[in-house]
Amino acid sequence: MTSHTHLFDLRALAQRRDRAAPGMAAHDFLLQRVAEDLLVRLGAVNRRFSTVVDLGAHHGVLARGVRQLPGVSLVISADCSWRMLSLCPPPRVLVDLEALPFADASLDLVVSGLTLHLVNDLPGTLVQIRRALKPDGLLLAAVLGGQTLSELREAFLLAESELEGGASPRVAPFADVRDYGGLLQRAGFALPVTDTDVVTVTYSSPLALMQDLRGMGATNVLTARRRVPLRRSTLMRACEIYVERHGRPDGRIPATFEIITLTGWAPHESQQKPLPPGSARARLADALGTREIPAGEKAPGLSRSAPKGK
């Protein structure tokens, strides 16, 4: 197993989700949006999925939707938080997000809503998911991207630098859409696709945003976070900076969430593959209605001159 940096404290993640579970339904607007989008995408796929895992199930909003899809016979809810899982429809499995318990080629579909961006060894977890999928099985996941909570990150950085002479990491540095696409390819997925959607949510104040994040179980789980309580003066200064730099005329403040959707298929011989070089049966020139110019021949009406001096 390759070594990797433990950027995230997964034990703290489980604790945050355990604490948030009783009131999660009041703070699940982002999960609801993600679940609706993933279900629409699944509805457009011309394939039936019998055995499904919802990885990072939270309180089961996505699992309940997947259970209603045609052809689905089993949906397993998997999460690192037992209190969250207790709110999910059975069957339920408590998992280590970096050591998945699923047998090779046992699943038709793995869905995941807002969890995989918190895995330390994401390449390793993606490989495990690909192995657990049957040939032509599908991974469909939504993760948070690099623009997420950029306003809050900036406010804390400036406030701590100003009042404490240095900054502690408080908002996770999420990857961007190109990084995720590369990880899918490295993990061996066929036909990998990533796309992004930037959602802006407004709040009455920065404190209201932080309360919502706590209600989602989405507060700081960075391993390098400070383990002492945040000074009140620093918190208030961060709120002031947030409003000064991003406040709107109506008195509300925006919070950015970048949602990146990952799609990848376990390889199967029936899938489309790129043609080998030289196998084309039609010429590009014919398709464009133009004349093909042999290599080395100068195109008519074009000349190349040396660049002029300064």
C-alpha atoms as a PDB file:
ATOM      1  CA  MET A   1       0.000   0.000   0.000  1.00  0.00           C
ATOM      2  CA  THR A   2       1.388   3.398  -0.932  1.00  0.00           C
ATOM      3  CA  SER A   3       1.983   5.938   1.805  1.00  0.00           C
ATOM      4  CA  HIS A   4      -0.052   9.091   1.838  1.00  0.00           C
ATOM      5  CA  THR A   5      -0.339  12.256   3.865  1.00  0.00           C
ATOM      6  CA  HIS A   6      -3.080  12.238   6.477  1.00  0.00           C
ATOM      7  CA  LEU A   7      -4.572  15.606   5.607  1.00  0.00           C
ATOM      8  CA  PHE A   8      -7.921  14.756   7.192  1.00  0.00           C
ATOM      9  CA  ASP A   9      -8.681  13.357  10.639  1.00  0.00           C
ATOM     10  CA  LEU A  10     -11.276  10.704   9.804  1.00  0.00           C
ATOM     11  CA  ARG A  11     -11.971   9.986  13.467  1.00  0.00           C
ATOM     12  CA  ALA A  12     -12.914  13.649  13.889  1.00  0.00           C
ATOM     13  CA  LEU A  13     -15.105  13.374  10.775  1.00  0.00           C
ATOM     14  CA  ALA A  14     -17.035  10.503  12.355  1.00  0.00           C
ATOM     15  CA  GLN A  15     -17.413  12.494  15.580  1.00  0.00           C
ATOM     16  CA  ARG A  16     -18.661  15.579  13.710  1.00  0.00           C
ATOM     17  CA  ARG A  17     -21.243  13.498  11.842  1.00  0.00           C
ATOM     18  CA  ASP A  18     -22.316  11.697  15.022  1.00  0.00           C
ATOM     19  CA  ARG A  19     -22.903  15.053  16.684  1.00  0.00           C
ATOM     20  CA  ALA A  20     -24.794  16.464  13.696  1.00  0.00           C
ATOM     21  CA  ALA A  21     -27.015  13.423  13.089  1.00  0.00           C
ATOM     22  CA  PRO A  22     -30.015  14.346  15.314  1.00  0.00           C
ATOM     23  CA  GLY A  23     -30.533  17.690  13.563  1.00  0.00           C
ATOM     24  CA  MET A  24     -29.197  16.830  10.113  1.00  0.00           C
ATOM     25  CA  ALA A  25     -32.559  17.156   8.360  1.00  0.00           C
ATOM     26  CA  ALA A  26     -32.612  20.889   9.149  1.00  0.00           C
ATOM     27  CA  HIS A  27     -29.233  21.444   7.458  1.00  0.00           C
ATOM     28  CA  ASP A  28     -29.250  19.046   4.493  1.00  0.00           C
ATOM     29  CA  PHE A  29     -30.105  21.490   1.694  1.00  0.00           C
ATOM     30  CA  LEU A  30     -26.776  20.864  -0.068  1.00  0.00           C
ATOM     31  CA  LEU A  31     -27.137  17.089   0.202  1.00  0.00           C
ATOM     32  CA  GLN A  32     -30.697  17.341  -1.086  1.00  0.00           C
ATOM     33  CA  ARG A  33     -29.477  19.293  -4.104  1.00  0.00           C
ATOM     34  CA  VAL A  34     -26.703  16.767  -4.765  1.00  0.00           C
ATOM     35  CA  ALA A  35     -29.080  13.802  -4.384  1.00  0.00           C
ATOM     36  CA  GLU A  36     -31.567  15.299  -6.836  1.00  0.00           C
ATOM     37  CA  ASP A  37     -28.822  15.916  -9.405  1.00  0.00           C
ATOM     38  CA  LEU A  38     -27.334  12.426  -9.101  1.00  0.00           C
ATOM     39  CA  LEU A  39     -30.775  10.821  -9.405  1.00  0.00           C
ATOM     40  CA  VAL A  40     -31.499  12.809 -12.579  1.00  0.00           C
ATOM     41  CA  ARG A  41     -28.180  11.624 -14.028  1.00  0.00           C
ATOM     42  CA  LEU A  42     -28.939   8.020 -13.119  1.00  0.00           C
ATOM     43  CA  GLY A  43     -32.370   8.308 -14.726  1.00  0.00           C
ATOM     44  CA  ALA A  44     -30.679   9.209 -18.014  1.00  0.00           C
ATOM     45  CA  VAL A  45     -28.459   6.094 -17.980  1.00  0.00           C
ATOM     46  CA  ASN A  46     -29.768   3.293 -20.188  1.00  0.00           C
ATOM     47  CA  ARG A  47     -28.812   0.551 -17.745  1.00  0.00           C
ATOM     48  CA  ARG A  48     -30.328  -1.181 -14.715  1.00  0.00           C
ATOM     49  CA  PHE A  49     -28.389  -1.406 -11.454  1.00  0.00           C
ATOM     50  CA  SER A  50     -29.316  -4.182  -9.052  1.00  0.00           C
ATOM     51  CA  THR A  51     -26.829  -3.948  -6.162  1.00  0.00           C
ATOM     52  CA  VAL A  52     -25.896  -0.439  -5.036  1.00  0.00           C
ATOM     53  CA  VAL A  53     -23.763   1.130  -2.300  1.00  0.00           C
ATOM     54  CA  ASP A  54     -24.296   4.693  -1.073  1.00  0.00           C
ATOM     55  CA  LEU A  55     -20.800   5.484   0.215  1.00  0.00           C
ATOM     56  CA  GLY A  56     -20.805   8.272   2.781  1.00  0.00           C
ATOM     57  CA  ALA A  57     -24.557   7.984   3.113  1.00  0.00           C
ATOM     58  CA  HIS A  58     -25.062  10.645   5.805  1.00  0.00           C
ATOM     59  CA  HIS A  59     -28.706  10.275   6.889  1.00  0.00           C
ATOM     60  CA  GLY A  60     -29.834   8.377   3.798  1.00  0.00           C
ATOM     61  CA  VAL A  61     -31.339  11.026   1.519  1.00  0.00           C
ATOM     62  CA  LEU A  62     -29.557   9.656  -1.571  1.00  0.00           C
ATOM     63  CA  ALA A  63     -30.075   5.994  -0.655  1.00  0.00           C
ATOM     64  CA  ARG A  64     -33.840   6.524  -0.376  1.00  0.00           C
ATOM     65  CA  GLY A  65     -33.940   8.044  -3.847  1.00  0.00           C
ATOM     66  CA  VAL A  66     -31.829   5.288  -5.424  1.00  0.00           C
ATOM     67  CA  ARG A  67     -34.158   2.622  -3.947  1.00  0.00           C
ATOM     68  CA  GLN A  68     -36.933   4.004  -6.165  1.00  0.00           C
ATOM     69  CA  LEU A  69     -35.014   3.504  -9.429  1.00  0.00           C
ATOM     70  CA  PRO A  70     -36.193   0.699 -11.756  1.00  0.00           C
ATOM     71  CA  GLY A  71     -34.257  -2.541 -11.364  1.00  0.00           C
ATOM     72  CA  VAL A  72     -32.681  -1.746  -7.990  1.00  0.00           C
ATOM     73  CA  SER A  73     -33.005  -4.656  -5.559  1.00  0.00           C
ATOM     74  CA  LEU A  74     -30.469  -3.780  -2.835  1.00  0.00           C
ATOM     75  CA  VAL A  75     -29.097  -0.447  -1.590  1.00  0.00           C
ATOM     76  CA  ILE A  76     -26.431  -0.637   1.128  1.00  0.00           C
ATOM     77  CA  SER A  77     -25.911   2.540   3.179  1.00  0.00           C
ATOM     78  CA  ALA A  78     -22.254   2.922   4.212  1.00  0.00           C
ATOM     79  CA  ASP A  79     -20.803   5.671   6.387  1.00  0.00           C
ATOM     80  CA  CYS A  80     -18.136   6.296   9.030  1.00  0.00           C
ATOM     81  CA  SER A  81     -20.783   7.564  11.509  1.00  0.00           C
ATOM     82  CA  TRP A  82     -23.047   5.041  13.208  1.00  0.00           C
ATOM     83  CA  ARG A  83     -25.466   7.758  14.348  1.00  0.00           C
ATOM     84  CA  MET A  84     -25.887   8.911  10.763  1.00  0.00           C
ATOM     85  CA  LEU A  85     -26.334   5.314   9.636  1.00  0.00           C
ATOM     86  CA  SER A  86     -29.070   4.761  12.224  1.00  0.00           C
ATOM     87  CA  LEU A  87     -31.151   7.255  10.198  1.00  0.00           C
ATOM     88  CA  CYS A  88     -30.599   5.379   6.908  1.00  0.00           C
ATOM     89  CA  PRO A  89     -32.769   2.608   5.497  1.00  0.00           C
ATOM     90  CA  PRO A  90     -31.251  -0.860   6.089  1.00  0.00           C
ATOM     91  CA  PRO A  91     -29.000  -2.621   5.299  1.00  0.00           C
ATOM     92  CA  ARG A  92     -26.313  -0.431   6.868  1.00  0.00           C
ATOM     93  CA  VAL A  93     -22.538  -0.866   7.092  1.00  0.00           C
ATOM     94  CA  LEU A  94     -20.127   1.116   9.260  1.00  0.00           C
ATOM     95  CA  VAL A  95     -16.988   1.581   7.136  1.00  0.00           C
ATOM     96  CA  ASP A  96     -13.495   2.926   7.139  1.00  0.00           C
ATOM     97  CA  LEU A  97     -13.585   5.131   4.043  1.00  0.00           C
ATOM     98  CA  GLU A  98     -10.045   4.050   3.154  1.00  0.00           C
ATOM     99  CA  ALA A  99     -10.514   0.282   3.680  1.00  0.00           C
ATOM    100  CA  LEU A 100     -13.784  -0.676   2.051  1.00  0.00           C
ATOM    101  CA  PRO A 101     -15.265  -4.108   2.927  1.00  0.00           C
ATOM    102  CA  PHE A 102     -16.900  -4.912  -0.421  1.00  0.00           C
ATOM    103  CA  ALA A 103     -15.863  -7.969  -2.418  1.00  0.00           C
ATOM    104  CA  ASP A 104     -14.406  -7.658  -5.893  1.00  0.00           C
ATOM    105  CA  ALA A 105     -16.976  -7.457  -8.713  1.00  0.00           C
ATOM    106  CA  SER A 106     -19.905  -7.465  -6.271  1.00  0.00           C
ATOM    107  CA  LEU A 107     -21.587  -4.120  -6.999  1.00  0.00           C
ATOM    108  CA  ASP A 108     -23.406  -2.644  -9.986  1.00  0.00           C
ATOM    109  CA  LEU A 109     -23.351   0.964  -8.804  1.00  0.00           C
ATOM    110  CA  VAL A 110     -21.564   3.088  -6.200  1.00  0.00           C
ATOM    111  CA  VAL A 111     -22.999   6.531  -5.469  1.00  0.00           C
ATOM    112  CA  SER A 112     -21.517   9.036  -3.063  1.00  0.00           C
ATOM    113  CA  GLY A 113     -22.686  12.466  -1.966  1.00  0.00           C
ATOM    114  CA  LEU A 114     -20.203  14.938  -0.456  1.00  0.00           C
ATOM    115  CA  THR A 115     -17.814  12.487   1.199  1.00  0.00           C
ATOM    116  CA  LEU A 116     -14.952  11.374  -1.056  1.00  0.00           C
ATOM    117  CA  HIS A 117     -13.236  14.794  -0.951  1.00  0.00           C
ATOM    118  CA  LEU A 118     -12.468  14.053   2.732  1.00  0.00           C
ATOM    119  CA  VAL A 119     -10.547  10.821   2.067  1.00  0.00           C
ATOM    120  CA  ASN A 120      -6.783  10.984   2.576  1.00  0.00           C
ATOM    121  CA  ASP A 121      -5.871   8.253   0.103  1.00  0.00           C
ATOM    122  CA  LEU A 122      -8.416   9.062  -2.580  1.00  0.00           C
ATOM    123  CA  PRO A 123      -6.514   7.220  -5.345  1.00  0.00           C
ATOM    124  CA  GLY A 124      -6.530   4.087  -3.176  1.00  0.00           C
ATOM    125  CA  THR A 125     -10.220   4.418  -2.344  1.00  0.00           C
ATOM    126  CA  LEU A 126     -11.096   4.895  -6.020  1.00  0.00           C
ATOM    127  CA  VAL A 127      -9.152   1.754  -6.909  1.00  0.00           C
ATOM    128  CA  GLN A 128     -11.082  -0.170  -4.230  1.00  0.00           C
ATOM    129  CA  ILE A 129     -14.378   1.131  -5.650  1.00  0.00           C
ATOM    130  CA  ARG A 130     -13.395   0.165  -9.182  1.00  0.00           C
ATOM    131  CA  ARG A 131     -12.455  -3.340  -8.035  1.00  0.00           C
ATOM    132  CA  ALA A 132     -15.740  -3.717  -6.125  1.00  0.00           C
ATOM    133  CA  LEU A 133     -17.728  -2.838  -9.241  1.00  0.00           C
ATOM    134  CA  LYS A 134     -18.780  -5.522 -11.682  1.00  0.00           C
ATOM    135  CA  PRO A 135     -17.566  -5.032 -15.268  1.00  0.00           C
ATOM    136  CA  ASP A 136     -19.507  -2.079 -16.713  1.00  0.00           C
ATOM    137  CA  GLY A 137     -20.468  -0.983 -13.191  1.00  0.00           C
ATOM    138  CA  LEU A 138     -20.757   2.738 -12.498  1.00  0.00           C
ATOM    139  CA  LEU A 139     -19.302   5.184  -9.968  1.00  0.00           C
ATOM    140  CA  LEU A 140     -21.298   8.412  -9.663  1.00  0.00           C
ATOM    141  CA  ALA A 141     -20.088  10.757  -6.947  1.00  0.00           C
ATOM    142  CA  ALA A 142     -20.354  14.414  -5.956  1.00  0.00           C
ATOM    143  CA  VAL A 143     -17.448  16.054  -4.138  1.00  0.00           C
ATOM    144  CA  LEU A 144     -16.560  19.578  -3.088  1.00  0.00           C
ATOM    145  CA  GLY A 145     -14.101  21.519  -5.255  1.00  0.00           C
ATOM    146  CA  GLY A 146     -11.462  24.141  -4.636  1.00  0.00           C
ATOM    147  CA  GLN A 147     -13.750  27.190  -4.749  1.00  0.00           C
ATOM    148  CA  THR A 148     -15.780  25.905  -1.791  1.00  0.00           C
ATOM    149  CA  LEU A 149     -15.985  28.357   1.140  1.00  0.00           C
ATOM    150  CA  SER A 150     -13.300  30.565  -0.399  1.00  0.00           C
ATOM    151  CA  GLU A 151     -14.792  33.612   1.349  1.00  0.00           C
ATOM    152  CA  LEU A 152     -14.616  31.982   4.782  1.00  0.00           C
ATOM    153  CA  ARG A 153     -11.075  30.735   4.171  1.00  0.00           C
ATOM    154  CA  GLU A 154      -9.947  34.246   3.232  1.00  0.00           C
ATOM    155  CA  ALA A 155     -11.629  35.872   6.253  1.00  0.00           C
ATOM    156  CA  PHE A 156     -10.009  33.507   8.758  1.00  0.00           C
ATOM    157  CA  LEU A 157      -6.610  33.784   7.081  1.00  0.00           C
ATOM    158  CA  LEU A 158      -6.621  37.570   7.286  1.00  0.00           C
ATOM    159  CA  ALA A 159      -8.049  37.737  10.823  1.00  0.00           C
ATOM    160  CA  GLU A 160      -5.564  35.264  12.301  1.00  0.00           C
ATOM    161  CA  SER A 161      -2.629  36.853  10.489  1.00  0.00           C
ATOM    162  CA  GLU A 162      -3.679  40.254  11.812  1.00  0.00           C
ATOM    163  CA  LEU A 163      -4.369  39.306  15.448  1.00  0.00           C
ATOM    164  CA  GLU A 164      -2.299  36.195  16.097  1.00  0.00           C
ATOM    165  CA  GLY A 165       0.706  36.628  13.822  1.00  0.00           C
ATOM    166  CA  GLY A 166      -0.039  33.486  11.789  1.00  0.00           C
ATOM    167  CA  ALA A 167      -2.864  31.425  10.373  1.00  0.00           C
ATOM    168  CA  SER A 168      -4.127  27.953  11.228  1.00  0.00           C
ATOM    169  CA  PRO A 169      -5.793  25.837   8.506  1.00  0.00           C
ATOM    170  CA  ARG A 170      -9.542  26.075   9.089  1.00  0.00           C
ATOM    171  CA  VAL A 171     -11.089  25.350   5.671  1.00  0.00           C
ATOM    172  CA  ALA A 172      -9.933  22.311   3.706  1.00  0.00           C
ATOM    173  CA  PRO A 173      -7.990  22.874   0.447  1.00  0.00           C
ATOM    174  CA  PHE A 174     -10.143  20.811  -1.909  1.00  0.00           C
ATOM    175  CA  ALA A 175      -8.945  19.632  -5.335  1.00  0.00           C
ATOM    176  CA  ASP A 176     -10.108  21.075  -8.650  1.00  0.00           C
ATOM    177  CA  VAL A 177     -12.028  19.413 -11.468  1.00  0.00           C
ATOM    178  CA  ARG A 178      -8.918  18.501 -13.499  1.00  0.00           C
ATOM    179  CA  ASP A 179      -7.319  16.792 -10.498  1.00  0.00           C
ATOM    180  CA  TYR A 180     -10.368  14.587  -9.987  1.00  0.00           C
ATOM    181  CA  GLY A 181     -10.443  13.629 -13.662  1.00  0.00           C
ATOM    182  CA  GLY A 182      -6.820  12.522 -13.485  1.00  0.00           C
ATOM    183  CA  LEU A 183      -7.498  10.473 -10.349  1.00  0.00           C
ATOM    184  CA  LEU A 184     -10.326   8.584 -12.073  1.00  0.00           C
ATOM    185  CA  GLN A 185      -7.983   7.677 -14.927  1.00  0.00           C
ATOM    186  CA  ARG A 186      -5.215   6.584 -12.550  1.00  0.00           C
ATOM    187  CA  ALA A 187      -7.667   4.356 -10.690  1.00  0.00           C
ATOM    188  CA  GLY A 188      -8.468   2.506 -13.922  1.00  0.00           C
ATOM    189  CA  PHE A 189     -11.956   3.821 -14.659  1.00  0.00           C
ATOM    190  CA  ALA A 190     -13.132   3.826 -18.252  1.00  0.00           C
ATOM    191  CA  LEU A 191     -14.897   6.791 -19.862  1.00  0.00           C
ATOM    192  CA  PRO A 192     -14.110   9.168 -16.948  1.00  0.00           C
ATOM    193  CA  VAL A 193     -16.048  12.432 -16.880  1.00  0.00           C
ATOM    194  CA  THR A 194     -15.942  15.322 -14.401  1.00  0.00           C
ATOM    195  CA  ASP A 195     -18.043  18.471 -14.424  1.00  0.00           C
ATOM    196  CA  THR A 196     -18.560  21.302 -11.989  1.00  0.00           C
ATOM    197  CA  ASP A 197     -21.419  23.405 -10.665  1.00  0.00           C
ATOM    198  CA  VAL A 198     -20.835  26.472  -8.498  1.00  0.00           C
ATOM    199  CA  VAL A 199     -23.613  27.118  -5.991  1.00  0.00           C
ATOM    200  CA  THR A 200     -23.850  30.400  -4.079  1.00  0.00           C
ATOM    201  CA  VAL A 201     -25.862  30.389  -0.879  1.00  0.00           C
ATOM    202  CA  THR A 202     -26.605  33.565   1.088  1.00  0.00           C
ATOM    203  CA  TYR A 203     -26.735  33.864   4.874  1.00  0.00           C
ATOM    204  CA  SER A 204     -27.741  36.566   7.299  1.00  0.00           C
ATOM    205  CA  SER A 205     -24.225  36.579   8.792  1.00  0.00           C
ATOM    206  CA  PRO A 206     -20.958  34.605   8.851  1.00  0.00           C
ATOM    207  CA  LEU A 207     -22.022  33.144  12.192  1.00  0.00           C
ATOM    208  CA  ALA A 208     -25.174  31.756  10.570  1.00  0.00           C
ATOM    209  CA  LEU A 209     -22.999  30.084   7.917  1.00  0.00           C
ATOM    210  CA  MET A 210     -20.774  28.511  10.588  1.00  0.00           C
ATOM    211  CA  GLN A 211     -23.826  27.261  12.459  1.00  0.00           C
ATOM    212  CA  ASP A 212     -25.101  25.629   9.259  1.00  0.00           C
ATOM    213  CA  LEU A 213     -21.730  23.962   8.652  1.00  0.00           C
ATOM    214  CA  ARG A 214     -21.807  22.592  12.196  1.00  0.00           C
ATOM    215  CA  GLY A 215     -25.318  21.282  11.576  1.00  0.00           C
ATOM    216  CA  MET A 216     -24.077  19.469   8.453  1.00  0.00           C
ATOM    217  CA  GLY A 217     -21.211  17.860  10.368  1.00  0.00           C
ATOM    218  CA  ALA A 218     -18.917  19.794   8.029  1.00  0.00           C
ATOM    219  CA  THR A 219     -16.691  21.756  10.408  1.00  0.00           C
ATOM    220  CA  ASN A 220     -12.901  21.560  10.405  1.00  0.00           C
ATOM    221  CA  VAL A 221     -11.456  18.021  10.356  1.00  0.00           C
ATOM    222  CA  LEU A 222      -7.985  18.929   9.088  1.00  0.00           C
ATOM    223  CA  THR A 223      -5.285  17.007  10.934  1.00  0.00           C
ATOM    224  CA  ALA A 224      -3.199  20.191  11.237  1.00  0.00           C
ATOM    225  CA  ARG A 225      -6.020  22.201  12.838  1.00  0.00           C
ATOM    226  CA  ARG A 226      -5.376  23.964  16.130  1.00  0.00           C
ATOM    227  CA  ARG A 227      -6.696  21.950  19.077  1.00  0.00           C
ATOM    228  CA  VAL A 228      -7.393  25.026  21.246  1.00  0.00           C
ATOM    229  CA  PRO A 229     -10.628  27.039  21.042  1.00  0.00           C
ATOM    230  CA  LEU A 230     -10.669  29.937  18.603  1.00  0.00           C
ATOM    231  CA  ARG A 231     -10.272  33.304  20.314  1.00  0.00           C
ATOM    232  CA  ARG A 232     -13.475  35.308  20.367  1.00  0.00           C
ATOM    233  CA  SER A 233     -11.630  38.402  19.132  1.00  0.00           C
ATOM    234  CA  THR A 234     -10.307  36.462  16.124  1.00  0.00           C
ATOM    235  CA  LEU A 235     -13.759  35.056  15.358  1.00  0.00           C
ATOM    236  CA  MET A 236     -15.352  38.512  15.490  1.00  0.00           C
ATOM    237  CA  ARG A 237     -12.603  40.000  13.324  1.00  0.00           C
ATOM    238  CA  ALA A 238     -13.061  37.208  10.751  1.00  0.00           C
ATOM    239  CA  CYS A 239     -16.783  38.005  10.641  1.00  0.00           C
ATOM    240  CA  GLU A 240     -16.020  41.703  10.120  1.00  0.00           C
ATOM    241  CA  ILE A 241     -13.604  40.952   7.272  1.00  0.00           C
ATOM    242  CA  TYR A 242     -16.117  38.597   5.667  1.00  0.00           C
ATOM    243  CA  VAL A 243     -18.803  41.298   5.646  1.00  0.00           C
ATOM    244  CA  GLU A 244     -16.391  44.044   4.551  1.00  0.00           C
ATOM    245  CA  ARG A 245     -15.109  42.079   1.568  1.00  0.00           C
ATOM    246  CA  HIS A 246     -18.170  40.090   0.514  1.00  0.00           C
ATOM    247  CA  GLY A 247     -21.239  41.669   2.104  1.00  0.00           C
ATOM    248  CA  ARG A 248     -24.158  42.452  -0.196  1.00  0.00           C
ATOM    249  CA  PRO A 249     -26.295  45.598  -0.261  1.00  0.00           C
ATOM    250  CA  ASP A 250     -29.178  43.717   1.392  1.00  0.00           C
ATOM    251  CA  GLY A 251     -26.948  42.913   4.385  1.00  0.00           C
ATOM    252  CA  ARG A 252     -26.521  39.215   3.565  1.00  0.00           C
ATOM    253  CA  ILE A 253     -23.264  37.422   2.809  1.00  0.00           C
ATOM    254  CA  PRO A 254     -22.568  34.816   0.091  1.00  0.00           C
ATOM    255  CA  ALA A 255     -20.974  31.401   0.598  1.00  0.00           C
ATOM    256  CA  THR A 256     -19.618  29.495  -2.382  1.00  0.00           C
ATOM    257  CA  PHE A 257     -19.911  25.722  -2.753  1.00  0.00           C
ATOM    258  CA  GLU A 258     -18.288  24.152  -5.816  1.00  0.00           C
ATOM    259  CA  ILE A 259     -19.814  20.729  -6.494  1.00  0.00           C
ATOM    260  CA  ILE A 260     -17.815  18.470  -8.807  1.00  0.00           C
ATOM    261  CA  THR A 261     -19.529  15.369 -10.191  1.00  0.00           C
ATOM    262  CA  LEU A 262     -17.386  12.331 -10.987  1.00  0.00           C
ATOM    263  CA  THR A 263     -18.500   9.622 -13.421  1.00  0.00           C
ATOM    264  CA  GLY A 264     -16.464   6.519 -14.176  1.00  0.00           C
ATOM    265  CA  TRP A 265     -17.191   2.999 -15.410  1.00  0.00           C
ATOM    266  CA  ALA A 266     -15.508  -0.256 -14.524  1.00  0.00           C
ATOM    267  CA  PRO A 267     -13.940  -1.446 -17.796  1.00  0.00           C
ATOM    268  CA  HIS A 268     -15.914  -3.815 -20.019  1.00  0.00           C
ATOM    269  CA  GLU A 269     -15.359  -5.040 -23.574  1.00  0.00           C
ATOM    270  CA  SER A 270     -18.696  -3.580 -24.726  1.00  0.00           C
ATOM    271  CA  GLN A 271     -17.649   0.000 -23.964  1.00  0.00           C
ATOM    272  CA  GLN A 272     -16.602   2.454 -26.653  1.00  0.00           C
ATOM    273  CA  LYS A 273     -12.854   2.648 -27.205  1.00  0.00           C
ATOM    274  CA  PRO A 274     -10.738   5.078 -29.248  1.00  0.00           C
ATOM    275  CA  LEU A 275      -9.777   3.756 -32.669  1.00  0.00           C
ATOM    276  CA  PRO A 276      -6.098   2.925 -33.220  1.00  0.00           C
ATOM    277  CA  PRO A 277      -4.079   5.397 -35.350  1.00  0.00           C
ATOM    278  CA  GLY A 278      -4.492   4.830 -39.094  1.00  0.00           C
ATOM    279  CA  SER A 279      -7.815   2.985 -38.815  1.00  0.00           C
ATOM    280  CA  ALA A 280     -10.034   5.817 -40.062  1.00  0.00           C
ATOM    281  CA  ARG A 281     -12.227   4.936 -43.063  1.00  0.00           C
ATOM    282  CA  ALA A 282     -12.903   8.513 -44.150  1.00  0.00           C
ATOM    283  CA  ARG A 283     -10.583  11.435 -44.763  1.00  0.00           C
ATOM    284  CA  LEU A 284     -10.877  14.612 -42.712  1.00  0.00           C
ATOM    285  CA  ALA A 285     -10.412  16.656 -45.891  1.00  0.00           C
ATOM    286  CA  ASP A 286     -13.511  15.050 -47.408  1.00  0.00           C
ATOM    287  CA  ALA A 287     -15.565  15.796 -44.325  1.00  0.00           C
ATOM    288  CA  LEU A 288     -14.456  19.440 -44.422  1.00  0.00           C
ATOM    289  CA  GLY A 289     -14.940  19.768 -48.178  1.00  0.00           C
ATOM    290  CA  THR A 290     -11.378  20.870 -48.830  1.00  0.00           C
ATOM    291  CA  ARG A 291      -8.230  19.589 -50.557  1.00  0.00           C
ATOM    292  CA  GLU A 292      -5.690  17.589 -48.599  1.00  0.00           C
ATOM    293  CA  ILE A 293      -2.217  19.137 -48.774  1.00  0.00           C
ATOM    294  CA  PRO A 294       0.627  16.579 -48.705  1.00  0.00           C
ATOM    295  CA  ALA A 295       3.273  16.996 -46.020  1.00  0.00           C
ATOM    296  CA  GLY A 296       5.963  19.447 -47.122  1.00  0.00           C
ATOM    297  CA  GLU A 297       3.786  21.221 -49.690  1.00  0.00           C
ATOM    298  CA  LYS A 298       3.141  24.905 -49.052  1.00  0.00           C
ATOM    299  CA  ALA A 299      -0.503  25.867 -48.679  1.00  0.00           C
ATOM    300  CA  PRO A 300      -1.690  28.255 -51.419  1.00  0.00           C
ATOM    301  CA  GLY A 301      -1.856  31.907 -50.465  1.00  0.00           C
ATOM    302  CA  LEU A 302       0.270  31.434 -47.357  1.00  0.00           C
ATOM    303  CA  SER A 303       3.869  32.463 -46.844  1.00  0.00           C
ATOM    304  CA  ARG A 304       6.141  32.435 -43.878  1.00  0.00           C
ATOM    305  CA  SER A 305       8.547  35.271 -43.227  1.00  0.00           C
ATOM    306  CA  ALA A 306      11.136  35.820 -40.573  1.00  0.00           C
ATOM    307  CA  PRO A 307      10.008  37.920 -37.616  1.00  0.00           C
ATOM    308  CA  LYS A 308      10.871  41.604 -37.818  1.00  0.00           C
ATOM    309  CA  GLY A 309      13.481  42.991 -35.488  1.00  0.00           C
ATOM    310  CA  LYS A 310      12.628  45.398 -32.733  1.00  0.00           C
END
